[in-house]
C-alpha atoms as a PDB file:
ATOM      1  CA  MET A   1      83.168  86.917  98.232  1.00  0.00           C
ATOM      2  CA  GLY A   2      85.065  89.064  95.851  1.00  0.00           C
ATOM      3  CA  CYS A   3      84.761  89.320  92.113  1.00  0.00           C
ATOM      4  CA  MET A   4      88.030  88.628  90.312  1.00  0.00           C
ATOM      5  CA  ALA A   5      89.940  88.293  93.632  1.00  0.00           C
ATOM      6  CA  GLY A   6      91.669  85.201  92.240  1.00  0.00           C
ATOM      7  CA  GLN A   7      92.328  86.532  88.743  1.00  0.00           C
ATOM      8  CA  GLY A   8      95.884  86.334  87.387  1.00  0.00           C
ATOM      9  CA  ASP A   9      99.182  86.217  89.267  1.00  0.00           C
ATOM     10  CA  ASP A  10      98.095  88.978  91.662  1.00  0.00           C
ATOM     11  CA  GLY A  11      95.014  86.959  92.603  1.00  0.00           C
ATOM     12  CA  THR A  12      97.131  83.865  93.178  1.00  0.00           C
ATOM     13  CA  ARG A  13      99.454  85.821  95.463  1.00  0.00           C
ATOM     14  CA  LEU A  14      96.501  87.258  97.390  1.00  0.00           C
ATOM     15  CA  LEU A  15      94.911  83.859  97.959  1.00  0.00           C
ATOM     16  CA  THR A  16      98.138  82.095  98.912  1.00  0.00           C
ATOM     17  CA  GLU A  17      99.099  84.864 101.353  1.00  0.00           C
ATOM     18  CA  LEU A  18      95.643  84.803 102.954  1.00  0.00           C
ATOM     19  CA  SER A  19      95.885  81.034 103.262  1.00  0.00           C
ATOM     20  CA  LEU A  20      99.071  81.473 105.303  1.00  0.00           C
ATOM     21  CA  ILE A  21      97.193  83.772 107.683  1.00  0.00           C
ATOM     22  CA  TRP A  22      94.385  81.193 108.007  1.00  0.00           C
ATOM     23  CA  PRO A  23      96.232  77.840 108.049  1.00  0.00           C
ATOM     24  CA  ARG A  24      94.377  74.587 107.270  1.00  0.00           C
ATOM     25  CA  ARG A  25      91.458  76.523 105.763  1.00  0.00           C
ATOM     26  CA  LEU A  26      90.425  76.803 102.149  1.00  0.00           C
ATOM     27  CA  VAL A  27      90.691  80.322 100.800  1.00  0.00           C
ATOM     28  CA  VAL A  28      88.536  80.639  97.694  1.00  0.00           C
ATOM     29  CA  GLY A  29      88.684  83.446  95.165  1.00  0.00           C
ATOM     30  CA  PHE A  30      87.121  83.773  91.756  1.00  0.00           C
ATOM     31  CA  THR A  31      88.714  84.583  88.410  1.00  0.00           C
ATOM     32  CA  THR A  32      85.495  86.040  86.996  1.00  0.00           C
ATOM     33  CA  ILE A  33      82.785  88.528  87.933  1.00  0.00           C
ATOM     34  CA  GLY A  34      80.229  87.279  90.416  1.00  0.00           C
ATOM     35  CA  TYR A  35      76.592  88.302  90.360  1.00  0.00           C
ATOM     36  CA  ARG A  36      73.742  88.622  92.809  1.00  0.00           C
ATOM     37  CA  HIS A  37      70.164  89.227  91.730  1.00  0.00           C
ATOM     38  CA  PRO A  38      68.933  92.395  93.476  1.00  0.00           C
ATOM     39  CA  MET A  39      65.287  91.341  93.771  1.00  0.00           C
ATOM     40  CA  HIS A  40      65.957  87.768  94.912  1.00  0.00           C
ATOM     41  CA  MET A  41      68.322  89.045  97.592  1.00  0.00           C
ATOM     42  CA  MET A  42      65.821  91.460  99.138  1.00  0.00           C
ATOM     43  CA  PRO A  43      63.858  90.397 102.232  1.00  0.00           C
ATOM     44  CA  HIS A  44      60.344  89.159 101.650  1.00  0.00           C
ATOM     45  CA  PRO A  45      57.865  89.572 104.542  1.00  0.00           C
ATOM     46  CA  ALA A  46      56.575  86.002 104.341  1.00  0.00           C
ATOM     47  CA  GLN A  47      60.033  84.428 104.047  1.00  0.00           C
ATOM     48  CA  ASP A  48      63.342  84.301 105.825  1.00  0.00           C
ATOM     49  CA  PRO A  49      65.007  87.668 105.057  1.00  0.00           C
ATOM     50  CA  PHE A  50      68.275  85.904 104.203  1.00  0.00           C
ATOM     51  CA  GLN A  51      66.815  83.217 101.996  1.00  0.00           C
ATOM     52  CA  LEU A  52      69.246  83.613  99.087  1.00  0.00           C
ATOM     53  CA  PRO A  53      72.430  85.259 100.351  1.00  0.00           C
ATOM     54  CA  GLY A  54      75.504  84.788  98.238  1.00  0.00           C
ATOM     55  CA  MET A  55      76.980  85.235  94.825  1.00  0.00           C
ATOM     56  CA  ARG A  56      76.669  83.325  91.576  1.00  0.00           C
ATOM     57  CA  ASP A  57      79.625  82.361  89.407  1.00  0.00           C
ATOM     58  CA  THR A  58      79.583  83.766  85.852  1.00  0.00           C
ATOM     59  CA  ASN A  59      81.769  83.464  82.748  1.00  0.00           C
ATOM     60  CA  ILE A  60      82.387  87.221  82.656  1.00  0.00           C
ATOM     61  CA  GLU A  61      86.072  88.124  83.020  1.00  0.00           C
ATOM     62  CA  ASN A  62      85.759  91.900  82.649  1.00  0.00           C
ATOM     63  CA  GLU A  63      83.366  94.164  84.545  1.00  0.00           C
ATOM     64  CA  VAL A  64      82.749  96.246  81.399  1.00  0.00           C
ATOM     65  CA  LEU A  65      80.928  93.266  79.864  1.00  0.00           C
ATOM     66  CA  VAL A  66      78.352  92.847  82.645  1.00  0.00           C
ATOM     67  CA  ASN A  67      74.779  92.936  81.358  1.00  0.00           C
ATOM     68  CA  PRO A  68      72.626  92.666  84.494  1.00  0.00           C
ATOM     69  CA  HIS A  69      69.426  92.018  82.562  1.00  0.00           C
ATOM     70  CA  ALA A  70      70.923  88.971  80.846  1.00  0.00           C
ATOM     71  CA  LEU A  71      72.204  87.699  84.200  1.00  0.00           C
ATOM     72  CA  ASP A  72      68.808  88.246  85.838  1.00  0.00           C
ATOM     73  CA  ARG A  73      67.300  85.855  83.289  1.00  0.00           C
ATOM     74  CA  LEU A  74      69.891  83.187  84.195  1.00  0.00           C
ATOM     75  CA  TRP A  75      69.331  83.436  87.958  1.00  0.00           C
ATOM     76  CA  SER A  76      67.162  80.295  88.126  1.00  0.00           C
ATOM     77  CA  ASP A  77      69.607  78.217  86.041  1.00  0.00           C
ATOM     78  CA  LEU A  78      72.142  76.754  88.466  1.00  0.00           C
ATOM     79  CA  VAL A  79      73.966  75.001  85.626  1.00  0.00           C
ATOM     80  CA  LYS A  80      74.682  78.214  83.705  1.00  0.00           C
ATOM     81  CA  MET A  81      75.192  80.323  86.830  1.00  0.00           C
ATOM     82  CA  PRO A  82      76.043  78.150  89.877  1.00  0.00           C
ATOM     83  CA  TRP A  83      76.400  79.420  93.430  1.00  0.00           C
ATOM     84  CA  ALA A  84      79.908  80.729  93.998  1.00  0.00           C
ATOM     85  CA  SER A  85      81.771  78.147  96.078  1.00  0.00           C
ATOM     86  CA  GLU A  86      84.947  76.098  96.032  1.00  0.00           C
ATOM     87  CA  TYR A  87      83.156  73.847  93.511  1.00  0.00           C
ATOM     88  CA  SER A  88      82.444  76.661  91.030  1.00  0.00           C
ATOM     89  CA  PRO A  89      84.028  76.480  87.577  1.00  0.00           C
ATOM     90  CA  HIS A  90      85.942  79.745  88.106  1.00  0.00           C
ATOM     91  CA  ALA A  91      87.077  79.180  91.685  1.00  0.00           C
ATOM     92  CA  LYS A  92      90.754  79.375  92.572  1.00  0.00           C
ATOM     93  CA  ILE A  93      91.576  77.717  95.883  1.00  0.00           C
ATOM     94  CA  ALA A  94      94.569  78.035  98.202  1.00  0.00           C
ATOM     95  CA  ARG A  95      95.462  76.222 101.407  1.00  0.00           C
ATOM     96  CA  ASN A  96      98.588  76.595 103.562  1.00  0.00           C
ATOM     97  CA  GLY A  97     100.358  78.881 101.070  1.00  0.00           C
ATOM     98  CA  ALA A  98      99.748  76.856  97.911  1.00  0.00           C
ATOM     99  CA  LEU A  99      97.063  76.517  95.266  1.00  0.00           C
ATOM    100  CA  VAL A 100      94.938  73.411  95.666  1.00  0.00           C
END
């Protein structure tokens, strides 16, 4: 996962070139900043230590605008801050050298 890895023309070039290295696979980048909640990502003794690995998709396009406290409050709302995946609103996807 990489924040803003798919942003702009440079991000498109990165994703399409990577998709040529890994043919027939989806290469997914994001045009916005991703977020992970520090407390929810830490191991808990009574739970699986990797219970919530991953990144959430946000609407934030510039790292200067990140307010972690506001994002912490949204962590439980999967509509406002979904898991980062190829289905995320800000995902950019390439396969075999072209955007999907």
